[in-house]
């Protein structure tokens, strides 16, 4: 099991990343960059994810245009 310390994610992939199977991987997450695509239906998922990460020191929210053709992506640092 690898412990992730920093991560960049798109808001449309939050539900998958906050699953009970993956959430323990983020217990050491200190820095999160959220690429926000104005997907209003994802706000609840964002709030629930942030509540489950009290150790988070840095949160960046970047606005990016949403494109259905673009693949859902994330990048992590270990």
Protein backbone atom coordinates (compact mmCIF):
# COMPACT_ATOMS: atom_id res chain seq x y z
CA UNK A 1 0.00 0.00 0.00
CA UNK A 2 1.36 3.41 -1.00
CA UNK A 3 0.50 6.54 0.95
CA UNK A 4 -0.23 9.54 -1.25
CA UNK A 5 1.04 12.92 0.02
CA UNK A 6 -0.10 15.20 -2.82
CA UNK A 7 -2.70 14.86 -5.52
CA UNK A 8 -4.21 16.70 -8.49
CA UNK A 9 -7.72 15.58 -9.43
CA UNK A 10 -10.65 16.69 -11.54
CA UNK A 11 -13.87 17.17 -9.61
CA UNK A 12 -15.68 14.68 -11.87
CA UNK A 13 -13.46 11.85 -10.54
CA UNK A 14 -14.00 12.51 -6.83
CA UNK A 15 -16.67 9.85 -6.31
CA UNK A 16 -14.36 7.11 -7.57
CA UNK A 17 -11.38 8.34 -5.55
CA UNK A 18 -13.32 8.68 -2.30
CA UNK A 19 -14.54 5.09 -2.33
CA UNK A 20 -14.03 3.10 0.91
CA UNK A 21 -11.46 0.93 -0.89
CA UNK A 22 -9.26 3.87 -1.94
CA UNK A 23 -9.78 6.35 0.90
CA UNK A 24 -7.18 4.72 3.23
CA UNK A 25 -4.56 5.50 0.56
CA UNK A 26 -5.07 9.19 1.31
CA UNK A 27 -4.54 9.19 5.09
CA UNK A 28 -1.23 11.08 4.58
CA UNK A 29 -2.55 13.48 1.95
CA UNK A 30 -1.26 16.96 2.75
CA UNK A 31 -1.82 18.79 -0.54
CA UNK A 32 -4.81 18.58 -2.87
CA UNK A 33 -5.32 20.45 -6.14
CA UNK A 34 -8.90 20.23 -7.36
CA UNK A 35 -9.49 21.02 -11.01
CA UNK A 36 -13.03 22.38 -10.89
CA UNK A 37 -15.16 22.07 -14.03
CA UNK A 38 -18.31 23.75 -12.67
CA UNK A 39 -19.99 20.37 -12.29
CA UNK A 40 -22.48 21.52 -9.65
CA UNK A 41 -23.64 17.97 -8.98
CA UNK A 42 -20.14 17.18 -7.64
CA UNK A 43 -20.16 19.77 -4.82
CA UNK A 44 -21.54 17.30 -2.26
CA UNK A 45 -18.84 14.78 -3.19
CA UNK A 46 -16.15 17.45 -2.78
CA UNK A 47 -17.42 18.41 0.68
CA UNK A 48 -17.59 14.78 1.82
CA UNK A 49 -14.07 14.11 0.54
CA UNK A 50 -12.65 17.17 2.32
CA UNK A 51 -14.40 16.25 5.58
CA UNK A 52 -12.70 12.85 5.45
CA UNK A 53 -9.24 14.51 5.18
CA UNK A 54 -8.66 16.56 8.35
CA UNK A 55 -4.87 16.30 7.83
CA UNK A 56 -5.01 18.34 4.60
CA UNK A 57 -2.71 21.40 4.79
CA UNK A 58 -3.07 22.83 1.29
CA UNK A 59 -6.09 23.01 -0.99
CA UNK A 60 -5.97 24.63 -4.42
CA UNK A 61 -9.04 24.94 -6.62
CA UNK A 62 -8.39 25.63 -10.29
CA UNK A 63 -11.21 26.50 -12.68
CA UNK A 64 -10.98 24.66 -15.99
CA UNK A 65 -13.50 24.24 -18.82
CA UNK A 66 -15.42 20.96 -18.79
CA UNK A 67 -15.12 18.72 -21.83
CA UNK A 68 -16.97 15.40 -22.05
CA UNK A 69 -14.39 14.21 -24.56
CA UNK A 70 -11.53 14.72 -22.11
CA UNK A 71 -10.61 11.65 -20.06
CA UNK A 72 -11.06 11.72 -16.30
CA UNK A 73 -7.60 12.06 -14.82
CA UNK A 74 -5.66 12.35 -11.62
CA UNK A 75 -2.00 12.66 -10.72
CA UNK A 76 -0.49 11.74 -7.38
CA UNK A 77 2.84 12.18 -5.59
CA UNK A 78 4.18 9.60 -3.16
